[in-house]
Structure formats: C-alpha cells, structure tokens
Amino acid sequence: MVLGRHVAPSLAALLLLTGCAAFRNTPAQDRVWTAYSQCRAEGRSGNVVILRVDPDGRYWYENRSGVSISTLQACMAEKPRG
C-alpha cells in the first residue's frame, strides 16, 4: 500500500490547482471590473456597487442611495469593451 500514500497527496494537489483555475475571471468580466474601477475613480459611480459579473460580462448591481443608475451606465458604456 505504499503507492496509496503517494497518490492521495498528489490527487489533493491536483484538485487544489484545478479548483483555483476555476476562479479566474473571463476577459469580459475583467473588462467590466476595469471599467467600473475607472468610473469610480472618475467619481461617476454614485453609490452604485457592482455585486457580481457573469462570465459574459453582464453585471449585477445594488443602488445604495436611490439615485439613478444612468450615470454609471453611461460611464461604463464609454469604456472599451474589447
């Protein structure tokens, strides 16, 4: 059973590395997060917080002040998408 002692740690390491790769953003997600960061830096995000970005680039937000989302949406639309 010596082989069994070597297989378990190797399998655990493989699962750990595979799991980490699953948490990488897609290019579309990276573009949304970058645009959001730029809009925040420009002061054009209001109190809107992006909660999640889907792999295809669609984003989900929460408006924390009741102010229109249109300012952030306009800013995000100005940023490069590809």
C-alpha atoms as a PDB file:
ATOM      1  CA  MET A   1       0.000   0.000   0.000  1.00  0.00           C
ATOM      2  CA  VAL A   2       2.957   2.353  -0.371  1.00  0.00           C
ATOM      3  CA  LEU A   3       1.502   3.550  -3.660  1.00  0.00           C
ATOM      4  CA  GLY A   4      -1.668   4.699  -1.867  1.00  0.00           C
ATOM      5  CA  ARG A   5       0.336   7.061   0.335  1.00  0.00           C
ATOM      6  CA  HIS A   6       1.726   8.854  -2.708  1.00  0.00           C
ATOM      7  CA  VAL A   7      -1.474   9.016  -4.700  1.00  0.00           C
ATOM      8  CA  ALA A   8      -3.585  10.812  -2.079  1.00  0.00           C
ATOM      9  CA  PRO A   9      -1.338  13.905  -1.704  1.00  0.00           C
ATOM     10  CA  SER A  10      -0.879  14.109  -5.475  1.00  0.00           C
ATOM     11  CA  LEU A  11      -4.614  13.906  -6.021  1.00  0.00           C
ATOM     12  CA  ALA A  12      -5.231  16.571  -3.382  1.00  0.00           C
ATOM     13  CA  ALA A  13      -2.703  18.905  -5.032  1.00  0.00           C
ATOM     14  CA  LEU A  14      -4.275  18.334  -8.447  1.00  0.00           C
ATOM     15  CA  LEU A  15      -7.748  19.139  -7.130  1.00  0.00           C
ATOM     16  CA  LEU A  16      -6.456  22.278  -5.435  1.00  0.00           C
ATOM     17  CA  LEU A  17      -4.787  23.540  -8.605  1.00  0.00           C
ATOM     18  CA  THR A  18      -7.811  22.712 -10.745  1.00  0.00           C
ATOM     19  CA  GLY A  19     -10.136  24.458  -8.309  1.00  0.00           C
ATOM     20  CA  CYS A  20      -8.042  27.633  -8.338  1.00  0.00           C
ATOM     21  CA  ALA A  21      -8.174  27.791 -12.117  1.00  0.00           C
ATOM     22  CA  ALA A  22     -11.967  27.751 -11.975  1.00  0.00           C
ATOM     23  CA  PHE A  23     -11.971  31.093 -10.137  1.00  0.00           C
ATOM     24  CA  ARG A  24     -10.239  33.128 -12.847  1.00  0.00           C
ATOM     25  CA  ASN A  25     -12.233  35.890 -14.499  1.00  0.00           C
ATOM     26  CA  THR A  26     -13.110  35.776 -18.159  1.00  0.00           C
ATOM     27  CA  PRO A  27     -11.878  38.656 -20.355  1.00  0.00           C
ATOM     28  CA  ALA A  28     -15.440  40.061 -20.363  1.00  0.00           C
ATOM     29  CA  GLN A  29     -15.508  40.063 -16.553  1.00  0.00           C
ATOM     30  CA  ASP A  30     -12.127  41.764 -16.388  1.00  0.00           C
ATOM     31  CA  ARG A  31     -13.326  44.492 -18.776  1.00  0.00           C
ATOM     32  CA  VAL A  32     -16.390  45.190 -16.617  1.00  0.00           C
ATOM     33  CA  TRP A  33     -14.382  45.341 -13.386  1.00  0.00           C
ATOM     34  CA  THR A  34     -11.795  47.618 -15.027  1.00  0.00           C
ATOM     35  CA  ALA A  35     -14.481  49.944 -16.398  1.00  0.00           C
ATOM     36  CA  TYR A  36     -16.209  50.043 -13.005  1.00  0.00           C
ATOM     37  CA  SER A  37     -12.917  50.911 -11.289  1.00  0.00           C
ATOM     38  CA  GLN A  38     -12.305  53.701 -13.786  1.00  0.00           C
ATOM     39  CA  CYS A  39     -15.825  55.082 -13.332  1.00  0.00           C
ATOM     40  CA  ARG A  40     -15.386  55.043  -9.549  1.00  0.00           C
ATOM     41  CA  ALA A  41     -12.046  56.829  -9.861  1.00  0.00           C
ATOM     42  CA  GLU A  42     -13.753  59.473 -12.030  1.00  0.00           C
ATOM     43  CA  GLY A  43     -16.490  59.880  -9.418  1.00  0.00           C
ATOM     44  CA  ARG A  44     -19.168  58.662 -11.825  1.00  0.00           C
ATOM     45  CA  SER A  45     -20.444  55.628  -9.974  1.00  0.00           C
ATOM     46  CA  GLY A  46     -22.593  57.335  -7.368  1.00  0.00           C
ATOM     47  CA  ASN A  47     -23.470  54.889  -4.639  1.00  0.00           C
ATOM     48  CA  VAL A  48     -23.883  52.018  -7.068  1.00  0.00           C
ATOM     49  CA  VAL A  49     -21.975  48.864  -6.172  1.00  0.00           C
ATOM     50  CA  ILE A  50     -21.397  46.035  -8.631  1.00  0.00           C
ATOM     51  CA  LEU A  51     -22.141  42.818  -6.804  1.00  0.00           C
ATOM     52  CA  ARG A  52     -21.283  40.244  -9.445  1.00  0.00           C
ATOM     53  CA  VAL A  53     -20.233  39.958 -13.059  1.00  0.00           C
ATOM     54  CA  ASP A  54     -21.330  36.987 -15.154  1.00  0.00           C
ATOM     55  CA  PRO A  55     -18.786  35.293 -17.451  1.00  0.00           C
ATOM     56  CA  ASP A  56     -20.374  37.000 -20.474  1.00  0.00           C
ATOM     57  CA  GLY A  57     -19.897  40.468 -18.937  1.00  0.00           C
ATOM     58  CA  ARG A  58     -23.414  41.110 -17.656  1.00  0.00           C
ATOM     59  CA  TYR A  59     -23.213  42.740 -14.270  1.00  0.00           C
ATOM     60  CA  TRP A  60     -25.498  42.876 -11.257  1.00  0.00           C
ATOM     61  CA  TYR A  61     -25.530  45.926  -9.052  1.00  0.00           C
ATOM     62  CA  GLU A  62     -27.068  47.419  -5.973  1.00  0.00           C
ATOM     63  CA  ASN A  63     -28.073  51.069  -5.847  1.00  0.00           C
ATOM     64  CA  ARG A  64     -27.436  52.188  -2.278  1.00  0.00           C
ATOM     65  CA  SER A  65     -28.776  55.734  -2.486  1.00  0.00           C
ATOM     66  CA  GLY A  66     -31.868  55.618  -4.664  1.00  0.00           C
ATOM     67  CA  VAL A  67     -30.127  57.836  -7.228  1.00  0.00           C
ATOM     68  CA  SER A  68     -30.447  56.884 -10.879  1.00  0.00           C
ATOM     69  CA  ILE A  69     -28.114  54.219 -12.233  1.00  0.00           C
ATOM     70  CA  SER A  70     -27.881  56.090 -15.546  1.00  0.00           C
ATOM     71  CA  THR A  71     -24.651  57.943 -14.663  1.00  0.00           C
ATOM     72  CA  LEU A  72     -22.760  54.703 -14.050  1.00  0.00           C
ATOM     73  CA  GLN A  73     -24.310  53.020 -17.083  1.00  0.00           C
ATOM     74  CA  ALA A  74     -23.260  55.925 -19.319  1.00  0.00           C
ATOM     75  CA  CYS A  75     -19.735  55.819 -17.924  1.00  0.00           C
ATOM     76  CA  MET A  76     -19.481  52.042 -18.348  1.00  0.00           C
ATOM     77  CA  ALA A  77     -20.703  52.332 -21.966  1.00  0.00           C
ATOM     78  CA  GLU A  78     -17.879  54.793 -22.748  1.00  0.00           C
ATOM     79  CA  LYS A  79     -15.167  52.368 -21.701  1.00  0.00           C
ATOM     80  CA  PRO A  80     -13.504  49.951 -24.166  1.00  0.00           C
ATOM     81  CA  ARG A  81     -15.307  46.610 -24.422  1.00  0.00           C
ATOM     82  CA  GLY A  82     -12.877  44.583 -26.427  1.00  0.00           C
END
